[in-house]
Amino acid sequence: MSANDLENQEKLESQPTSDSENSVKPTRREVIKEQVFSHFNGKVESRDGYIPLLACCFVTGLTDGTIYNCMYSVLKNYSRMMMLMRRK
């Protein structure tokens, strides 16, 4: 074999041989997206289905209670302030 033949053989060996080696690796976002979709495309266990519903009810109850108490205290303080202003 000549020097040119050896160089050509080394070039051929260093080049990728399959399409999978030429393909671009998926980004982290794409990998996570695929994992999420595969997770939620699975079967749903009906015996544990009440847990997300309870969590949603708990959060909406906290939100409703907080907003009610906040509005009550704001209106209460506003009415006190108005009464004090009228006295002067």
N, C-alpha and C. Protein backbone atom coordinates (compact mmCIF):
# COMPACT_ATOMS: atom_id res chain seq x y z
N MET A 1 0.84 -1.19 0.00
CA MET A 1 0.00 0.00 0.00
C MET A 1 0.88 1.24 0.00
N SER A 2 0.41 2.22 -0.71
CA SER A 2 1.17 3.48 -0.78
C SER A 2 0.71 4.43 0.32
N ALA A 3 1.35 5.54 0.45
CA ALA A 3 1.02 6.54 1.47
C ALA A 3 -0.35 7.14 1.19
N ASN A 4 -0.69 7.33 -0.09
CA ASN A 4 -2.01 7.88 -0.45
C ASN A 4 -3.13 6.91 -0.07
N ASP A 5 -2.89 5.64 -0.28
CA ASP A 5 -3.89 4.64 0.07
C ASP A 5 -4.14 4.62 1.57
N LEU A 6 -3.08 4.75 2.37
CA LEU A 6 -3.22 4.77 3.83
C LEU A 6 -3.99 6.01 4.29
N GLU A 7 -3.69 7.15 3.68
CA GLU A 7 -4.39 8.39 4.04
C GLU A 7 -5.88 8.29 3.70
N ASN A 8 -6.18 7.75 2.52
CA ASN A 8 -7.58 7.60 2.10
C ASN A 8 -8.32 6.63 3.02
N GLN A 9 -7.66 5.57 3.42
CA GLN A 9 -8.29 4.60 4.31
C GLN A 9 -8.55 5.21 5.68
N GLU A 10 -7.61 6.01 6.20
CA GLU A 10 -7.81 6.68 7.48
C GLU A 10 -8.97 7.68 7.41
N LYS A 11 -9.09 8.38 6.30
CA LYS A 11 -10.19 9.33 6.13
C LYS A 11 -11.53 8.61 6.12
N LEU A 12 -11.57 7.49 5.43
CA LEU A 12 -12.82 6.72 5.37
C LEU A 12 -13.20 6.17 6.74
N GLU A 13 -12.22 5.73 7.50
CA GLU A 13 -12.50 5.17 8.82
C GLU A 13 -12.93 6.25 9.81
N SER A 14 -12.44 7.47 9.63
CA SER A 14 -12.79 8.53 10.57
C SER A 14 -14.17 9.12 10.28
N GLN A 15 -14.71 8.91 9.09
CA GLN A 15 -16.03 9.43 8.75
C GLN A 15 -17.11 8.54 9.33
N PRO A 16 -18.24 9.14 9.76
CA PRO A 16 -19.35 8.32 10.28
C PRO A 16 -19.93 7.45 9.18
N THR A 17 -20.36 6.27 9.56
CA THR A 17 -20.84 5.32 8.57
C THR A 17 -22.36 5.20 8.56
N SER A 18 -23.04 5.63 9.61
CA SER A 18 -24.49 5.46 9.64
C SER A 18 -25.17 6.80 9.83
N ASP A 19 -26.48 6.83 9.57
CA ASP A 19 -27.26 8.05 9.72
C ASP A 19 -27.40 8.46 11.18
N SER A 20 -27.38 7.47 12.08
CA SER A 20 -27.54 7.80 13.50
C SER A 20 -26.36 8.59 14.03
N GLU A 21 -25.20 8.37 13.47
CA GLU A 21 -24.04 9.14 13.88
C GLU A 21 -24.09 10.56 13.33
N ASN A 22 -24.78 10.75 12.19
CA ASN A 22 -24.91 12.08 11.59
C ASN A 22 -26.04 12.88 12.23
N SER A 23 -26.95 12.24 12.91
CA SER A 23 -28.12 12.94 13.44
C SER A 23 -27.73 13.83 14.61
N VAL A 24 -28.52 14.86 14.80
CA VAL A 24 -28.28 15.82 15.87
C VAL A 24 -28.91 15.29 17.15
N LYS A 25 -28.20 15.45 18.26
CA LYS A 25 -28.74 15.01 19.54
C LYS A 25 -29.92 15.90 19.91
N PRO A 26 -30.96 15.31 20.50
CA PRO A 26 -32.09 16.15 20.91
C PRO A 26 -31.70 17.06 22.06
N THR A 27 -32.33 18.23 22.09
CA THR A 27 -32.04 19.17 23.16
C THR A 27 -32.66 18.68 24.46
N ARG A 28 -32.23 19.29 25.55
CA ARG A 28 -32.75 18.91 26.87
C ARG A 28 -34.26 19.13 26.93
N ARG A 29 -34.71 20.21 26.32
CA ARG A 29 -36.14 20.53 26.31
C ARG A 29 -36.93 19.45 25.58
N GLU A 30 -36.41 19.00 24.46
CA GLU A 30 -37.09 17.95 23.69
C GLU A 30 -37.15 16.64 24.47
N VAL A 31 -36.07 16.32 25.17
CA VAL A 31 -36.03 15.08 25.97
C VAL A 31 -37.06 15.15 27.09
N ILE A 32 -37.11 16.29 27.79
CA ILE A 32 -38.07 16.45 28.88
C ILE A 32 -39.49 16.40 28.35
N LYS A 33 -39.73 17.04 27.21
CA LYS A 33 -41.06 17.03 26.60
C LYS A 33 -41.49 15.60 26.27
N GLU A 34 -40.58 14.83 25.73
CA GLU A 34 -40.90 13.44 25.40
C GLU A 34 -41.18 12.62 26.66
N GLN A 35 -40.40 12.85 27.71
CA GLN A 35 -40.61 12.13 28.96
C GLN A 35 -41.97 12.47 29.57
N VAL A 36 -42.34 13.74 29.54
CA VAL A 36 -43.63 14.16 30.10
C VAL A 36 -44.77 13.55 29.31
N PHE A 37 -44.69 13.60 27.99
CA PHE A 37 -45.75 13.03 27.17
C PHE A 37 -45.87 11.52 27.37
N SER A 38 -44.74 10.84 27.47
CA SER A 38 -44.81 9.40 27.67
C SER A 38 -45.36 9.07 29.06
N HIS A 39 -45.08 9.92 30.05
CA HIS A 39 -45.60 9.70 31.40
C HIS A 39 -47.11 9.86 31.43
N PHE A 40 -47.63 10.91 30.80
CA PHE A 40 -49.06 11.17 30.86
C PHE A 40 -49.87 10.36 29.85
N ASN A 41 -49.20 9.69 28.92
CA ASN A 41 -49.90 8.82 27.99
C ASN A 41 -50.10 7.42 28.56
N GLY A 42 -49.58 7.17 29.74
CA GLY A 42 -49.71 5.86 30.36
C GLY A 42 -51.10 5.65 30.96
N LYS A 43 -51.30 4.48 31.54
CA LYS A 43 -52.59 4.16 32.15
C LYS A 43 -52.76 4.94 33.45
N VAL A 44 -53.99 5.27 33.75
CA VAL A 44 -54.32 6.02 34.96
C VAL A 44 -54.84 5.05 36.00
N GLU A 45 -54.27 5.12 37.18
CA GLU A 45 -54.74 4.30 38.30
C GLU A 45 -55.93 5.02 38.93
N SER A 46 -57.10 4.43 38.83
CA SER A 46 -58.30 5.10 39.36
C SER A 46 -58.32 5.13 40.88
N ARG A 47 -57.60 4.24 41.52
CA ARG A 47 -57.62 4.23 42.98
C ARG A 47 -56.86 5.42 43.57
N ASP A 48 -55.96 6.01 42.80
CA ASP A 48 -55.21 7.17 43.27
C ASP A 48 -55.68 8.47 42.61
N GLY A 49 -56.77 8.42 41.90
CA GLY A 49 -57.26 9.60 41.18
C GLY A 49 -57.81 10.68 42.08
N TYR A 50 -58.13 10.35 43.31
CA TYR A 50 -58.70 11.35 44.22
C TYR A 50 -57.63 12.30 44.76
N ILE A 51 -56.37 11.91 44.69
CA ILE A 51 -55.31 12.74 45.28
C ILE A 51 -55.17 14.09 44.56
N PRO A 52 -55.08 14.15 43.23
CA PRO A 52 -55.02 15.47 42.59
C PRO A 52 -56.27 16.30 42.82
N LEU A 53 -57.42 15.64 42.89
CA LEU A 53 -58.67 16.36 43.16
C LEU A 53 -58.66 16.98 44.55
N LEU A 54 -58.19 16.25 45.54
CA LEU A 54 -58.08 16.79 46.89
C LEU A 54 -57.09 17.95 46.95
N ALA A 55 -55.99 17.82 46.23
CA ALA A 55 -54.99 18.90 46.21
C ALA A 55 -55.59 20.16 45.60
N CYS A 56 -56.34 20.01 44.51
CA CYS A 56 -56.98 21.18 43.87
C CYS A 56 -58.00 21.81 44.81
N CYS A 57 -58.80 21.00 45.48
CA CYS A 57 -59.79 21.53 46.42
C CYS A 57 -59.12 22.25 47.58
N PHE A 58 -58.02 21.70 48.06
CA PHE A 58 -57.29 22.34 49.15
C PHE A 58 -56.75 23.71 48.74
N VAL A 59 -56.17 23.77 47.55
CA VAL A 59 -55.60 25.03 47.07
C VAL A 59 -56.70 26.07 46.83
N THR A 60 -57.82 25.66 46.22
CA THR A 60 -58.89 26.63 45.98
C THR A 60 -59.51 27.08 47.30
N GLY A 61 -59.59 26.19 48.29
CA GLY A 61 -60.11 26.59 49.59
C GLY A 61 -59.21 27.59 50.28
N LEU A 62 -57.91 27.36 50.21
CA LEU A 62 -56.96 28.31 50.79
C LEU A 62 -57.05 29.67 50.10
N THR A 63 -57.14 29.63 48.78
CA THR A 63 -57.22 30.88 48.02
C THR A 63 -58.50 31.63 48.35
N ASP A 64 -59.61 30.93 48.37
CA ASP A 64 -60.89 31.57 48.67
C ASP A 64 -60.89 32.16 50.07
N GLY A 65 -60.41 31.40 51.04
CA GLY A 65 -60.37 31.89 52.41
C GLY A 65 -59.45 33.08 52.59
N THR A 66 -58.33 33.04 51.92
CA THR A 66 -57.37 34.15 52.02
C THR A 66 -57.95 35.42 51.41
N ILE A 67 -58.57 35.29 50.24
CA ILE A 67 -59.14 36.47 49.59
C ILE A 67 -60.29 37.03 50.42
N TYR A 68 -61.12 36.15 50.97
CA TYR A 68 -62.25 36.61 51.78
C TYR A 68 -61.75 37.37 53.01
N ASN A 69 -60.78 36.79 53.72
CA ASN A 69 -60.23 37.44 54.92
C ASN A 69 -59.54 38.75 54.58
N CYS A 70 -58.86 38.78 53.46
CA CYS A 70 -58.17 40.00 53.04
C CYS A 70 -59.18 41.10 52.73
N MET A 71 -60.21 40.75 51.98
CA MET A 71 -61.22 41.75 51.63
C MET A 71 -61.98 42.20 52.87
N TYR A 72 -62.24 41.28 53.78
CA TYR A 72 -62.95 41.64 55.00
C TYR A 72 -62.13 42.63 55.82
N SER A 73 -60.82 42.34 55.96
CA SER A 73 -59.98 43.24 56.76
C SER A 73 -59.79 44.58 56.06
N VAL A 74 -59.71 44.59 54.74
CA VAL A 74 -59.57 45.86 54.01
C VAL A 74 -60.83 46.70 54.19
N LEU A 75 -61.99 46.08 54.01
CA LEU A 75 -63.24 46.82 54.15
C LEU A 75 -63.46 47.28 55.59
N LYS A 76 -63.06 46.45 56.54
CA LYS A 76 -63.21 46.80 57.95
C LYS A 76 -62.34 48.02 58.28
N ASN A 77 -61.09 47.99 57.83
CA ASN A 77 -60.19 49.11 58.07
C ASN A 77 -60.64 50.36 57.31
N TYR A 78 -61.17 50.18 56.13
CA TYR A 78 -61.66 51.31 55.35
C TYR A 78 -62.84 51.98 56.05
N SER A 79 -63.75 51.16 56.58
CA SER A 79 -64.90 51.75 57.26
C SER A 79 -64.47 52.47 58.54
N ARG A 80 -63.49 51.91 59.26
CA ARG A 80 -62.96 52.59 60.46
C ARG A 80 -62.32 53.93 60.08
N MET A 81 -61.57 53.92 59.00
CA MET A 81 -60.92 55.14 58.56
C MET A 81 -61.94 56.20 58.17
N MET A 82 -62.99 55.78 57.50
CA MET A 82 -64.04 56.72 57.10
C MET A 82 -64.76 57.29 58.32
N MET A 83 -64.98 56.44 59.32
CA MET A 83 -65.65 56.92 60.54
C MET A 83 -64.77 57.94 61.26
N LEU A 84 -63.47 57.69 61.31
CA LEU A 84 -62.55 58.62 61.96
C LEU A 84 -62.48 59.95 61.19
N MET A 85 -62.55 59.88 59.92
CA MET A 85 -62.50 61.11 59.11
C MET A 85 -63.77 61.93 59.31
N ARG A 86 -64.89 61.29 59.49
CA ARG A 86 -66.15 62.01 59.67
C ARG A 86 -66.20 62.71 61.03
N ARG A 87 -65.55 62.15 62.04
CA ARG A 87 -65.56 62.73 63.36
C ARG A 87 -64.77 64.03 63.43
N LYS A 88 -63.79 64.19 62.61
CA LYS A 88 -62.94 65.38 62.67
C LYS A 88 -63.56 66.57 62.04
